[in-house]
């Protein structure tokens, strides 16, 4: 009897310790598509090809440990995986250590900026042809050397602020050993059918070699609302000093809608980008249409078509955004439309 009591006491002591230390969890997403990309150019510059594309396929490990008194330490390490076998096998995505409690969450590592995260929330074609980053992605960064704070969720409201030391991960940032820092924040209300948010991003121009530079910054406002099975989403982004170029200040607005019928979702999205400077002739607009079919909670197949209209000095691609191997990147020709048709499958585990 004494042995039985001793065993019960030992189990009572040991069990909470096992609950407190949650072991690592393996997770990921496989996203493969067969796509046709057409730059509509003539002669030797023409590119009209079918390809297999891995789009932001990933694998990761995450876990946490209860520290007591409402505190918890967590971690996430995520890699991009090129499922089509081209390019580098694995690349860095988000990875960080976190400390959380009733006061919110502190984070340190490599992470998407709050500005980028806000834009992802209303993109109906995220990581597919027609992704808004094809028109609107000039400051949608994932930065190194990040520290961030996330507030607790307060009846649907939350906010995030992040700062990057020696910013790397953005176009023409100075990186390690420079003073090129960056910071960003967002504030989001997401409750029931309504989501609204405001975000800001700023990267300084310290270390620029050219004289005609300024800080690169942007404001973004987003919103979406669901009327039952019908959903609308919109955003507006105001860039200042795009690419650290002085007085390069384009604006972008987007509008999308989707309708869900059982396991199927029909969606449409439009984006318009104005000139970065007077007479720059680099405007672009894009529209996309598609259908998603949910085969299960974790598996979706889809088909999309997107077309992007470039002005003479714009070389944007309708298929850009989320491409792991960069297939046909840089093949757009100024003044020519770019078209993309894709069928794909997404499986999450």
C-alpha atoms as a PDB file:
ATOM      1  CA  UNK A   1       0.000   0.000   0.000  1.00  0.00           C
ATOM      2  CA  UNK A   2       2.862   2.358   0.870  1.00  0.00           C
ATOM      3  CA  UNK A   3       4.476   1.646  -2.520  1.00  0.00           C
ATOM      4  CA  UNK A   4       1.187   2.464  -4.280  1.00  0.00           C
ATOM      5  CA  UNK A   5       0.892   5.781  -2.438  1.00  0.00           C
ATOM      6  CA  UNK A   6       4.530   6.640  -3.230  1.00  0.00           C
ATOM      7  CA  UNK A   7       3.962   5.905  -6.915  1.00  0.00           C
ATOM      8  CA  UNK A   8       0.882   8.110  -6.969  1.00  0.00           C
ATOM      9  CA  UNK A   9       2.776  10.994  -5.334  1.00  0.00           C
ATOM     10  CA  UNK A  10       5.643  10.624  -7.823  1.00  0.00           C
ATOM     11  CA  UNK A  11       3.205  10.664 -10.749  1.00  0.00           C
ATOM     12  CA  UNK A  12       1.582  13.827  -9.400  1.00  0.00           C
ATOM     13  CA  UNK A  13       4.971  15.539  -9.222  1.00  0.00           C
ATOM     14  CA  UNK A  14       6.286  14.340 -12.586  1.00  0.00           C
ATOM     15  CA  UNK A  15       3.131  14.902 -14.676  1.00  0.00           C
ATOM     16  CA  UNK A  16       3.077  18.728 -14.410  1.00  0.00           C
ATOM     17  CA  UNK A  17       6.721  18.875 -15.515  1.00  0.00           C
ATOM     18  CA  UNK A  18       5.888  16.991 -18.705  1.00  0.00           C
ATOM     19  CA  UNK A  19       3.005  19.353 -19.394  1.00  0.00           C
ATOM     20  CA  UNK A  20       5.201  22.397 -18.793  1.00  0.00           C
ATOM     21  CA  UNK A  21       7.769  21.359 -21.418  1.00  0.00           C
ATOM     22  CA  UNK A  22       5.947  20.988 -24.724  1.00  0.00           C
ATOM     23  CA  UNK A  23       8.117  19.035 -27.151  1.00  0.00           C
ATOM     24  CA  UNK A  24       8.951  20.295 -30.633  1.00  0.00           C
ATOM     25  CA  UNK A  25       6.220  20.127 -33.285  1.00  0.00           C
ATOM     26  CA  UNK A  26       7.027  19.554 -36.949  1.00  0.00           C
ATOM     27  CA  UNK A  27       4.842  21.479 -39.400  1.00  0.00           C
ATOM     28  CA  UNK A  28       4.922  22.691 -42.989  1.00  0.00           C
ATOM     29  CA  UNK A  29       3.211  23.535 -46.252  1.00  0.00           C
ATOM     30  CA  UNK A  30       3.756  22.076 -49.721  1.00  0.00           C
ATOM     31  CA  UNK A  31       2.654  24.358 -52.555  1.00  0.00           C
ATOM     32  CA  UNK A  32       3.303  23.199 -56.123  1.00  0.00           C
ATOM     33  CA  UNK A  33       1.927  24.632 -59.355  1.00  0.00           C
ATOM     34  CA  UNK A  34       2.189  24.110 -63.103  1.00  0.00           C
ATOM     35  CA  UNK A  35       2.263  27.564 -64.677  1.00  0.00           C
ATOM     36  CA  UNK A  36       2.487  29.353 -68.003  1.00  0.00           C
ATOM     37  CA  UNK A  37       4.316  32.700 -67.995  1.00  0.00           C
ATOM     38  CA  UNK A  38       4.132  35.033 -71.016  1.00  0.00           C
ATOM     39  CA  UNK A  39       5.890  38.417 -71.275  1.00  0.00           C
ATOM     40  CA  UNK A  40       4.202  39.222 -74.619  1.00  0.00           C
ATOM     41  CA  UNK A  41       7.468  40.564 -76.028  1.00  0.00           C
ATOM     42  CA  UNK A  42       8.570  40.070 -79.619  1.00  0.00           C
ATOM     43  CA  UNK A  43      11.708  38.577 -81.115  1.00  0.00           C
ATOM     44  CA  UNK A  44      14.544  37.336 -78.922  1.00  0.00           C
ATOM     45  CA  UNK A  45      13.027  38.979 -75.811  1.00  0.00           C
ATOM     46  CA  UNK A  46       9.903  36.794 -75.970  1.00  0.00           C
ATOM     47  CA  UNK A  47       9.292  34.428 -73.063  1.00  0.00           C
ATOM     48  CA  UNK A  48       6.256  32.137 -73.217  1.00  0.00           C
ATOM     49  CA  UNK A  49       6.892  28.940 -71.303  1.00  0.00           C
ATOM     50  CA  UNK A  50       5.308  26.317 -69.046  1.00  0.00           C
ATOM     51  CA  UNK A  51       7.133  25.495 -65.827  1.00  0.00           C
ATOM     52  CA  UNK A  52       6.824  23.644 -62.521  1.00  0.00           C
ATOM     53  CA  UNK A  53       6.977  26.072 -59.607  1.00  0.00           C
ATOM     54  CA  UNK A  54       7.371  25.678 -55.853  1.00  0.00           C
ATOM     55  CA  UNK A  55       5.637  28.605 -54.136  1.00  0.00           C
ATOM     56  CA  UNK A  56       6.734  29.324 -50.571  1.00  0.00           C
ATOM     57  CA  UNK A  57       6.809  25.633 -49.675  1.00  0.00           C
ATOM     58  CA  UNK A  58       8.189  25.319 -46.165  1.00  0.00           C
ATOM     59  CA  UNK A  59       9.014  23.110 -43.230  1.00  0.00           C
ATOM     60  CA  UNK A  60       9.454  24.185 -39.632  1.00  0.00           C
ATOM     61  CA  UNK A  61       9.867  23.208 -36.013  1.00  0.00           C
ATOM     62  CA  UNK A  62       8.161  25.004 -33.143  1.00  0.00           C
ATOM     63  CA  UNK A  63       7.654  24.476 -29.443  1.00  0.00           C
ATOM     64  CA  UNK A  64       7.297  26.149 -26.068  1.00  0.00           C
ATOM     65  CA  UNK A  65       7.938  25.719 -22.355  1.00  0.00           C
ATOM     66  CA  UNK A  66       5.827  26.972 -19.463  1.00  0.00           C
ATOM     67  CA  UNK A  67       8.026  28.978 -17.088  1.00  0.00           C
ATOM     68  CA  UNK A  68       5.355  29.433 -14.434  1.00  0.00           C
ATOM     69  CA  UNK A  69       3.629  32.592 -13.192  1.00  0.00           C
ATOM     70  CA  UNK A  70       1.937  32.976 -16.571  1.00  0.00           C
ATOM     71  CA  UNK A  71       5.258  33.164 -18.483  1.00  0.00           C
ATOM     72  CA  UNK A  72       6.181  31.012 -21.462  1.00  0.00           C
ATOM     73  CA  UNK A  73       9.233  30.740 -23.703  1.00  0.00           C
ATOM     74  CA  UNK A  74       8.693  29.646 -27.298  1.00  0.00           C
ATOM     75  CA  UNK A  75      10.662  29.095 -30.480  1.00  0.00           C
ATOM     76  CA  UNK A  76      10.040  28.688 -34.209  1.00  0.00           C
ATOM     77  CA  UNK A  77      12.576  27.809 -36.913  1.00  0.00           C
ATOM     78  CA  UNK A  78      11.272  27.692 -40.480  1.00  0.00           C
ATOM     79  CA  UNK A  79      12.958  26.878 -43.803  1.00  0.00           C
ATOM     80  CA  UNK A  80      11.824  27.422 -47.374  1.00  0.00           C
ATOM     81  CA  UNK A  81      11.987  24.193 -49.395  1.00  0.00           C
ATOM     82  CA  UNK A  82      12.272  24.098 -53.185  1.00  0.00           C
ATOM     83  CA  UNK A  83       9.930  21.195 -53.890  1.00  0.00           C
ATOM     84  CA  UNK A  84      10.622  21.246 -57.641  1.00  0.00           C
ATOM     85  CA  UNK A  85      14.308  20.469 -57.102  1.00  0.00           C
ATOM     86  CA  UNK A  86      15.708  23.661 -58.644  1.00  0.00           C
ATOM     87  CA  UNK A  87      17.898  26.252 -56.965  1.00  0.00           C
ATOM     88  CA  UNK A  88      19.116  25.959 -53.387  1.00  0.00           C
ATOM     89  CA  UNK A  89      17.418  23.149 -51.512  1.00  0.00           C
ATOM     90  CA  UNK A  90      16.543  25.182 -48.413  1.00  0.00           C
ATOM     91  CA  UNK A  91      16.416  28.863 -47.488  1.00  0.00           C
ATOM     92  CA  UNK A  92      15.685  30.911 -44.403  1.00  0.00           C
ATOM     93  CA  UNK A  93      12.199  32.017 -43.492  1.00  0.00           C
ATOM     94  CA  UNK A  94      10.910  33.195 -40.104  1.00  0.00           C
ATOM     95  CA  UNK A  95      12.800  32.021 -37.017  1.00  0.00           C
ATOM     96  CA  UNK A  96      12.801  33.460 -33.515  1.00  0.00           C
ATOM     97  CA  UNK A  97      12.733  32.900 -29.778  1.00  0.00           C
ATOM     98  CA  UNK A  98       9.777  34.423 -27.901  1.00  0.00           C
ATOM     99  CA  UNK A  99       8.899  35.286 -24.328  1.00  0.00           C
ATOM    100  CA  UNK A 100       5.221  35.773 -23.567  1.00  0.00           C
ATOM    101  CA  UNK A 101       2.848  36.477 -20.715  1.00  0.00           C
ATOM    102  CA  UNK A 102      -0.276  38.431 -19.874  1.00  0.00           C
ATOM    103  CA  UNK A 103       1.614  41.538 -20.988  1.00  0.00           C
ATOM    104  CA  UNK A 104       2.078  40.277 -24.582  1.00  0.00           C
ATOM    105  CA  UNK A 105       4.946  38.681 -26.515  1.00  0.00           C
ATOM    106  CA  UNK A 106       8.562  39.739 -27.081  1.00  0.00           C
ATOM    107  CA  UNK A 107      10.387  38.266 -30.095  1.00  0.00           C
ATOM    108  CA  UNK A 108      14.001  38.167 -31.311  1.00  0.00           C
ATOM    109  CA  UNK A 109      15.205  36.695 -34.603  1.00  0.00           C
ATOM    110  CA  UNK A 110      14.414  36.956 -38.335  1.00  0.00           C
ATOM    111  CA  UNK A 111      10.789  37.836 -39.023  1.00  0.00           C
ATOM    112  CA  UNK A 112       8.252  39.373 -41.413  1.00  0.00           C
ATOM    113  CA  UNK A 113       7.780  43.076 -40.713  1.00  0.00           C
ATOM    114  CA  UNK A 114       4.410  44.122 -39.246  1.00  0.00           C
ATOM    115  CA  UNK A 115       3.909  46.153 -42.426  1.00  0.00           C
ATOM    116  CA  UNK A 116       4.241  43.034 -44.587  1.00  0.00           C
ATOM    117  CA  UNK A 117       2.074  40.912 -42.262  1.00  0.00           C
ATOM    118  CA  UNK A 118      -0.724  43.454 -42.539  1.00  0.00           C
ATOM    119  CA  UNK A 119      -0.731  43.305 -46.335  1.00  0.00           C
ATOM    120  CA  UNK A 120      -0.829  39.491 -46.326  1.00  0.00           C
ATOM    121  CA  UNK A 121      -4.125  39.513 -44.399  1.00  0.00           C
ATOM    122  CA  UNK A 122      -6.205  40.860 -47.303  1.00  0.00           C
ATOM    123  CA  UNK A 123      -4.444  39.292 -50.326  1.00  0.00           C
ATOM    124  CA  UNK A 124      -6.851  36.788 -51.888  1.00  0.00           C
ATOM    125  CA  UNK A 125      -4.090  35.380 -54.136  1.00  0.00           C
ATOM    126  CA  UNK A 126      -1.268  35.109 -51.598  1.00  0.00           C
ATOM    127  CA  UNK A 127       1.671  33.045 -52.973  1.00  0.00           C
ATOM    128  CA  UNK A 128      -0.202  32.470 -56.252  1.00  0.00           C
ATOM    129  CA  UNK A 129      -0.110  34.204 -59.623  1.00  0.00           C
ATOM    130  CA  UNK A 130      -1.895  37.495 -58.990  1.00  0.00           C
ATOM    131  CA  UNK A 131      -0.239  37.957 -55.568  1.00  0.00           C
ATOM    132  CA  UNK A 132      -0.471  41.668 -54.674  1.00  0.00           C
ATOM    133  CA  UNK A 133       3.276  41.812 -54.127  1.00  0.00           C
ATOM    134  CA  UNK A 134       3.640  41.818 -57.921  1.00  0.00           C
ATOM    135  CA  UNK A 135       2.425  45.431 -57.788  1.00  0.00           C
ATOM    136  CA  UNK A 136       2.581  46.337 -54.112  1.00  0.00           C
ATOM    137  CA  UNK A 137       5.592  44.530 -52.658  1.00  0.00           C
ATOM    138  CA  UNK A 138       8.415  47.066 -52.588  1.00  0.00           C
ATOM    139  CA  UNK A 139       8.540  47.138 -48.784  1.00  0.00           C
ATOM    140  CA  UNK A 140       7.077  43.759 -47.871  1.00  0.00           C
ATOM    141  CA  UNK A 141      10.267  42.589 -46.171  1.00  0.00           C
ATOM    142  CA  UNK A 142      11.402  39.739 -43.959  1.00  0.00           C
ATOM    143  CA  UNK A 143      14.275  41.267 -41.999  1.00  0.00           C
ATOM    144  CA  UNK A 144      17.226  39.896 -40.037  1.00  0.00           C
ATOM    145  CA  UNK A 145      18.286  41.055 -36.563  1.00  0.00           C
ATOM    146  CA  UNK A 146      14.718  41.834 -35.458  1.00  0.00           C
ATOM    147  CA  UNK A 147      13.345  42.553 -32.010  1.00  0.00           C
ATOM    148  CA  UNK A 148       9.568  42.947 -31.753  1.00  0.00           C
ATOM    149  CA  UNK A 149       6.733  43.332 -29.304  1.00  0.00           C
ATOM    150  CA  UNK A 150       3.184  42.068 -29.851  1.00  0.00           C
ATOM    151  CA  UNK A 151       0.378  43.220 -27.589  1.00  0.00           C
ATOM    152  CA  UNK A 152      -2.142  40.727 -26.192  1.00  0.00           C
ATOM    153  CA  UNK A 153      -5.412  40.464 -28.097  1.00  0.00           C
ATOM    154  CA  UNK A 154      -7.831  42.948 -26.530  1.00  0.00           C
ATOM    155  CA  UNK A 155     -11.351  42.152 -27.776  1.00  0.00           C
ATOM    156  CA  UNK A 156     -10.109  41.878 -31.357  1.00  0.00           C
ATOM    157  CA  UNK A 157      -7.480  44.648 -31.220  1.00  0.00           C
ATOM    158  CA  UNK A 158      -3.755  43.940 -31.357  1.00  0.00           C
ATOM    159  CA  UNK A 159      -0.600  45.800 -32.366  1.00  0.00           C
ATOM    160  CA  UNK A 160       2.987  44.919 -33.261  1.00  0.00           C
ATOM    161  CA  UNK A 161       6.139  47.039 -33.369  1.00  0.00           C
ATOM    162  CA  UNK A 162       9.490  45.744 -34.678  1.00  0.00           C
ATOM    163  CA  UNK A 163      13.025  47.098 -35.066  1.00  0.00           C
ATOM    164  CA  UNK A 164      15.888  45.658 -37.128  1.00  0.00           C
ATOM    165  CA  UNK A 165      19.524  46.301 -36.252  1.00  0.00           C
ATOM    166  CA  UNK A 166      21.809  46.245 -39.325  1.00  0.00           C
ATOM    167  CA  UNK A 167      18.821  45.589 -41.580  1.00  0.00           C
ATOM    168  CA  UNK A 168      19.253  42.840 -44.164  1.00  0.00           C
ATOM    169  CA  UNK A 169      16.513  41.168 -46.150  1.00  0.00           C
ATOM    170  CA  UNK A 170      15.245  44.246 -48.010  1.00  0.00           C
ATOM    171  CA  UNK A 171      16.243  45.629 -51.376  1.00  0.00           C
ATOM    172  CA  UNK A 172      19.443  47.712 -51.242  1.00  0.00           C
ATOM    173  CA  UNK A 173      19.547  47.695 -47.415  1.00  0.00           C
ATOM    174  CA  UNK A 174      23.038  48.139 -45.996  1.00  0.00           C
ATOM    175  CA  UNK A 175      23.122  44.960 -43.900  1.00  0.00           C
ATOM    176  CA  UNK A 176      25.656  43.820 -41.338  1.00  0.00           C
ATOM    177  CA  UNK A 177      28.294  46.349 -40.290  1.00  0.00           C
ATOM    178  CA  UNK A 178      26.312  49.398 -41.419  1.00  0.00           C
ATOM    179  CA  UNK A 179      23.896  51.787 -39.737  1.00  0.00           C
ATOM    180  CA  UNK A 180      21.056  50.715 -42.057  1.00  0.00           C
ATOM    181  CA  UNK A 181      18.324  50.020 -39.519  1.00  0.00           C
ATOM    182  CA  UNK A 182      14.598  49.662 -40.148  1.00  0.00           C
ATOM    183  CA  UNK A 183      11.429  49.648 -38.087  1.00  0.00           C
ATOM    184  CA  UNK A 184       7.765  48.922 -38.644  1.00  0.00           C
ATOM    185  CA  UNK A 185       4.451  48.676 -36.817  1.00  0.00           C
ATOM    186  CA  UNK A 186       0.846  47.676 -37.366  1.00  0.00           C
ATOM    187  CA  UNK A 187      -2.411  48.067 -35.474  1.00  0.00           C
ATOM    188  CA  UNK A 188      -5.236  45.656 -36.324  1.00  0.00           C
ATOM    189  CA  UNK A 189      -8.849  45.218 -35.291  1.00  0.00           C
ATOM    190  CA  UNK A 190     -10.133  41.772 -36.294  1.00  0.00           C
ATOM    191  CA  UNK A 191     -13.463  40.773 -34.823  1.00  0.00           C
ATOM    192  CA  UNK A 192     -16.215  38.762 -36.500  1.00  0.00           C
ATOM    193  CA  UNK A 193     -16.757  39.727 -40.139  1.00  0.00           C
ATOM    194  CA  UNK A 194     -14.703  42.959 -39.913  1.00  0.00           C
ATOM    195  CA  UNK A 195     -10.948  43.483 -40.205  1.00  0.00           C
ATOM    196  CA  UNK A 196      -9.292  46.906 -40.404  1.00  0.00           C
ATOM    197  CA  UNK A 197      -5.639  47.759 -39.973  1.00  0.00           C
ATOM    198  CA  UNK A 198      -2.986  50.443 -40.306  1.00  0.00           C
ATOM    199  CA  UNK A 199       0.739  49.857 -40.823  1.00  0.00           C
ATOM    200  CA  UNK A 200       3.976  51.786 -41.290  1.00  0.00           C
ATOM    201  CA  UNK A 201       7.481  50.867 -42.460  1.00  0.00           C
ATOM    202  CA  UNK A 202      10.711  52.887 -42.454  1.00  0.00           C
ATOM    203  CA  UNK A 203      14.268  51.978 -43.527  1.00  0.00           C
ATOM    204  CA  UNK A 204      16.983  54.611 -43.229  1.00  0.00           C
ATOM    205  CA  UNK A 205      19.365  55.510 -46.046  1.00  0.00           C
ATOM    206  CA  UNK A 206      22.566  55.420 -43.996  1.00  0.00           C
ATOM    207  CA  UNK A 207      25.411  54.025 -46.061  1.00  0.00           C
ATOM    208  CA  UNK A 208      23.874  54.852 -49.468  1.00  0.00           C
ATOM    209  CA  UNK A 209      26.556  55.426 -52.086  1.00  0.00           C
ATOM    210  CA  UNK A 210      24.412  57.700 -54.251  1.00  0.00           C
ATOM    211  CA  UNK A 211      23.745  61.293 -53.236  1.00  0.00           C
ATOM    212  CA  UNK A 212      20.120  61.429 -54.400  1.00  0.00           C
ATOM    213  CA  UNK A 213      18.671  59.258 -51.608  1.00  0.00           C
ATOM    214  CA  UNK A 214      16.243  59.499 -48.716  1.00  0.00           C
ATOM    215  CA  UNK A 215      14.691  57.200 -46.149  1.00  0.00           C
ATOM    216  CA  UNK A 216      12.359  54.616 -47.656  1.00  0.00           C
ATOM    217  CA  UNK A 217       9.003  54.608 -45.880  1.00  0.00           C
ATOM    218  CA  UNK A 218       5.390  53.651 -46.489  1.00  0.00           C
ATOM    219  CA  UNK A 219       1.934  53.817 -44.912  1.00  0.00           C
ATOM    220  CA  UNK A 220      -0.665  51.097 -45.489  1.00  0.00           C
ATOM    221  CA  UNK A 221      -4.360  50.871 -44.648  1.00  0.00           C
ATOM    222  CA  UNK A 222      -6.341  47.640 -45.174  1.00  0.00           C
ATOM    223  CA  UNK A 223      -9.865  46.443 -44.589  1.00  0.00           C
ATOM    224  CA  UNK A 224     -12.101  43.458 -45.267  1.00  0.00           C
ATOM    225  CA  UNK A 225     -15.694  42.535 -44.486  1.00  0.00           C
ATOM    226  CA  UNK A 226     -17.591  39.272 -44.888  1.00  0.00           C
ATOM    227  CA  UNK A 227     -21.286  39.279 -45.765  1.00  0.00           C
ATOM    228  CA  UNK A 228     -21.937  35.610 -45.096  1.00  0.00           C
ATOM    229  CA  UNK A 229     -20.259  33.717 -47.946  1.00  0.00           C
ATOM    230  CA  UNK A 230     -19.327  36.930 -49.797  1.00  0.00           C
ATOM    231  CA  UNK A 231     -16.192  38.849 -48.796  1.00  0.00           C
ATOM    232  CA  UNK A 232     -14.670  42.137 -49.965  1.00  0.00           C
ATOM    233  CA  UNK A 233     -11.125  43.334 -49.235  1.00  0.00           C
ATOM    234  CA  UNK A 234      -9.265  46.550 -50.044  1.00  0.00           C
ATOM    235  CA  UNK A 235      -5.991  48.306 -49.299  1.00  0.00           C
ATOM    236  CA  UNK A 236      -4.152  51.565 -49.937  1.00  0.00           C
ATOM    237  CA  UNK A 237      -0.368  51.987 -49.706  1.00  0.00           C
ATOM    238  CA  UNK A 238       1.516  55.295 -49.883  1.00  0.00           C
ATOM    239  CA  UNK A 239       5.245  54.880 -50.617  1.00  0.00           C
ATOM    240  CA  UNK A 240       7.866  57.565 -49.974  1.00  0.00           C
ATOM    241  CA  UNK A 241      11.428  57.247 -51.282  1.00  0.00           C
ATOM    242  CA  UNK A 242      10.827  53.915 -53.015  1.00  0.00           C
ATOM    243  CA  UNK A 243      14.142  52.032 -53.300  1.00  0.00           C
ATOM    244  CA  UNK A 244      15.780  54.912 -51.352  1.00  0.00           C
ATOM    245  CA  UNK A 245      15.339  57.136 -54.439  1.00  0.00           C
ATOM    246  CA  UNK A 246      14.518  60.718 -53.510  1.00  0.00           C
ATOM    247  CA  UNK A 247      10.983  61.822 -54.464  1.00  0.00           C
ATOM    248  CA  UNK A 248      10.030  58.358 -55.786  1.00  0.00           C
ATOM    249  CA  UNK A 249       6.574  58.280 -54.195  1.00  0.00           C
ATOM    250  CA  UNK A 250       4.080  55.907 -55.869  1.00  0.00           C
ATOM    251  CA  UNK A 251       0.677  55.005 -54.419  1.00  0.00           C
ATOM    252  CA  UNK A 252      -1.066  51.648 -54.781  1.00  0.00           C
ATOM    253  CA  UNK A 253      -4.679  50.717 -54.171  1.00  0.00           C
ATOM    254  CA  UNK A 254      -6.233  47.259 -54.372  1.00  0.00           C
ATOM    255  CA  UNK A 255      -9.726  45.771 -54.350  1.00  0.00           C
ATOM    256  CA  UNK A 256     -10.770  42.130 -54.146  1.00  0.00           C
ATOM    257  CA  UNK A 257     -13.849  39.972 -53.646  1.00  0.00           C
ATOM    258  CA  UNK A 258     -14.563  36.290 -53.078  1.00  0.00           C
ATOM    259  CA  UNK A 259     -17.650  34.091 -52.872  1.00  0.00           C
ATOM    260  CA  UNK A 260     -17.678  30.682 -51.167  1.00  0.00           C
ATOM    261  CA  UNK A 261     -20.005  27.921 -52.377  1.00  0.00           C
ATOM    262  CA  UNK A 262     -19.527  24.782 -50.316  1.00  0.00           C
ATOM    263  CA  UNK A 263     -15.965  23.593 -50.936  1.00  0.00           C
ATOM    264  CA  UNK A 264     -15.342  26.120 -53.724  1.00  0.00           C
ATOM    265  CA  UNK A 265     -14.237  29.749 -53.534  1.00  0.00           C
ATOM    266  CA  UNK A 266     -14.398  32.060 -56.562  1.00  0.00           C
ATOM    267  CA  UNK A 267     -12.219  35.153 -56.257  1.00  0.00           C
ATOM    268  CA  UNK A 268     -11.260  38.323 -58.124  1.00  0.00           C
ATOM    269  CA  UNK A 269      -8.641  40.962 -57.364  1.00  0.00           C
ATOM    270  CA  UNK A 270      -7.463  44.245 -58.919  1.00  0.00           C
ATOM    271  CA  UNK A 271      -4.454  46.447 -58.120  1.00  0.00           C
ATOM    272  CA  UNK A 272      -3.376  49.814 -59.518  1.00  0.00           C
ATOM    273  CA  UNK A 273       0.034  51.477 -59.070  1.00  0.00           C
ATOM    274  CA  UNK A 274       0.576  55.083 -60.163  1.00  0.00           C
ATOM    275  CA  UNK A 275       3.798  56.765 -61.306  1.00  0.00           C
ATOM    276  CA  UNK A 276       6.684  56.926 -58.835  1.00  0.00           C
ATOM    277  CA  UNK A 277       7.624  60.394 -60.126  1.00  0.00           C
ATOM    278  CA  UNK A 278       6.252  62.875 -62.613  1.00  0.00           C
ATOM    279  CA  UNK A 279       6.784  61.572 -66.168  1.00  0.00           C
ATOM    280  CA  UNK A 280       8.411  58.374 -64.844  1.00  0.00           C
ATOM    281  CA  UNK A 281       6.043  56.340 -67.034  1.00  0.00           C
ATOM    282  CA  UNK A 282       6.253  53.357 -64.672  1.00  0.00           C
ATOM    283  CA  UNK A 283       2.586  52.809 -63.839  1.00  0.00           C
ATOM    284  CA  UNK A 284       1.211  49.270 -63.621  1.00  0.00           C
ATOM    285  CA  UNK A 285      -2.131  47.622 -62.977  1.00  0.00           C
ATOM    286  CA  UNK A 286      -3.064  43.980 -62.508  1.00  0.00           C
ATOM    287  CA  UNK A 287      -6.185  41.874 -62.244  1.00  0.00           C
ATOM    288  CA  UNK A 288      -6.552  38.211 -61.333  1.00  0.00           C
ATOM    289  CA  UNK A 289      -9.375  35.681 -61.257  1.00  0.00           C
ATOM    290  CA  UNK A 290      -9.306  32.214 -59.731  1.00  0.00           C
ATOM    291  CA  UNK A 291     -11.089  29.350 -58.039  1.00  0.00           C
ATOM    292  CA  UNK A 292      -9.986  27.356 -54.968  1.00  0.00           C
ATOM    293  CA  UNK A 293     -11.410  23.916 -54.199  1.00  0.00           C
ATOM    294  CA  UNK A 294     -10.936  22.566 -50.665  1.00  0.00           C
ATOM    295  CA  UNK A 295     -10.467  18.803 -50.862  1.00  0.00           C
ATOM    296  CA  UNK A 296     -10.053  18.668 -47.067  1.00  0.00           C
ATOM    297  CA  UNK A 297      -9.179  21.021 -44.217  1.00  0.00           C
ATOM    298  CA  UNK A 298      -5.514  20.723 -45.135  1.00  0.00           C
ATOM    299  CA  UNK A 299      -5.525  20.255 -48.930  1.00  0.00           C
ATOM    300  CA  UNK A 300      -6.627  22.744 -51.608  1.00  0.00           C
ATOM    301  CA  UNK A 301      -6.377  22.671 -55.394  1.00  0.00           C
ATOM    302  CA  UNK A 302      -6.765  25.839 -57.445  1.00  0.00           C
ATOM    303  CA  UNK A 303      -6.621  27.507 -60.844  1.00  0.00           C
ATOM    304  CA  UNK A 304      -5.744  31.173 -61.451  1.00  0.00           C
ATOM    305  CA  UNK A 305      -5.251  33.602 -64.312  1.00  0.00           C
ATOM    306  CA  UNK A 306      -3.531  36.964 -63.836  1.00  0.00           C
ATOM    307  CA  UNK A 307      -2.493  39.731 -66.219  1.00  0.00           C
ATOM    308  CA  UNK A 308      -0.394  42.798 -65.466  1.00  0.00           C
ATOM    309  CA  UNK A 309      -0.251  45.883 -67.714  1.00  0.00           C
ATOM    310  CA  UNK A 310       3.120  47.695 -67.676  1.00  0.00           C
ATOM    311  CA  UNK A 311       3.812  51.242 -68.817  1.00  0.00           C
ATOM    312  CA  UNK A 312       6.985  51.808 -70.846  1.00  0.00           C
ATOM    313  CA  UNK A 313       9.341  51.909 -67.857  1.00  0.00           C
ATOM    314  CA  UNK A 314       7.661  49.245 -65.736  1.00  0.00           C
ATOM    315  CA  UNK A 315       8.851  45.616 -65.795  1.00  0.00           C
ATOM    316  CA  UNK A 316       6.556  43.948 -63.264  1.00  0.00           C
ATOM    317  CA  UNK A 317       5.405  40.337 -63.535  1.00  0.00           C
ATOM    318  CA  UNK A 318       1.931  38.925 -62.865  1.00  0.00           C
ATOM    319  CA  UNK A 319       3.500  35.718 -61.520  1.00  0.00           C
ATOM    320  CA  UNK A 320       5.797  37.376 -58.938  1.00  0.00           C
ATOM    321  CA  UNK A 321       5.284  36.791 -55.216  1.00  0.00           C
ATOM    322  CA  UNK A 322       6.070  33.627 -53.290  1.00  0.00           C
ATOM    323  CA  UNK A 323       8.159  31.921 -55.976  1.00  0.00           C
ATOM    324  CA  UNK A 324      10.825  29.787 -54.321  1.00  0.00           C
ATOM    325  CA  UNK A 325      13.013  29.252 -57.369  1.00  0.00           C
ATOM    326  CA  UNK A 326      12.481  32.600 -59.116  1.00  0.00           C
ATOM    327  CA  UNK A 327      11.563  30.924 -62.421  1.00  0.00           C
ATOM    328  CA  UNK A 328      11.326  33.549 -65.204  1.00  0.00           C
ATOM    329  CA  UNK A 329      11.994  36.412 -62.794  1.00  0.00           C
ATOM    330  CA  UNK A 330      13.389  39.451 -64.591  1.00  0.00           C
ATOM    331  CA  UNK A 331      11.954  38.435 -67.968  1.00  0.00           C
ATOM    332  CA  UNK A 332       9.321  41.167 -68.144  1.00  0.00           C
ATOM    333  CA  UNK A 333       9.843  43.832 -70.829  1.00  0.00           C
ATOM    334  CA  UNK A 334       8.950  47.481 -70.307  1.00  0.00           C
ATOM    335  CA  UNK A 335       5.642  48.447 -71.885  1.00  0.00           C
ATOM    336  CA  UNK A 336       4.480  44.844 -72.364  1.00  0.00           C
ATOM    337  CA  UNK A 337       1.747  42.980 -70.484  1.00  0.00           C
ATOM    338  CA  UNK A 338       2.718  39.909 -68.474  1.00  0.00           C
ATOM    339  CA  UNK A 339       0.257  37.019 -68.213  1.00  0.00           C
ATOM    340  CA  UNK A 340       0.191  33.935 -66.013  1.00  0.00           C
ATOM    341  CA  UNK A 341      -2.060  30.877 -65.881  1.00  0.00           C
ATOM    342  CA  UNK A 342      -1.553  28.328 -63.112  1.00  0.00           C
ATOM    343  CA  UNK A 343      -3.045  25.183 -61.604  1.00  0.00           C
ATOM    344  CA  UNK A 344      -1.724  24.148 -58.219  1.00  0.00           C
ATOM    345  CA  UNK A 345      -2.090  22.156 -55.051  1.00  0.00           C
ATOM    346  CA  UNK A 346      -1.477  23.233 -51.438  1.00  0.00           C
ATOM    347  CA  UNK A 347      -1.147  20.748 -48.575  1.00  0.00           C
ATOM    348  CA  UNK A 348      -0.514  21.777 -44.964  1.00  0.00           C
ATOM    349  CA  UNK A 349       0.726  19.461 -42.225  1.00  0.00           C
END
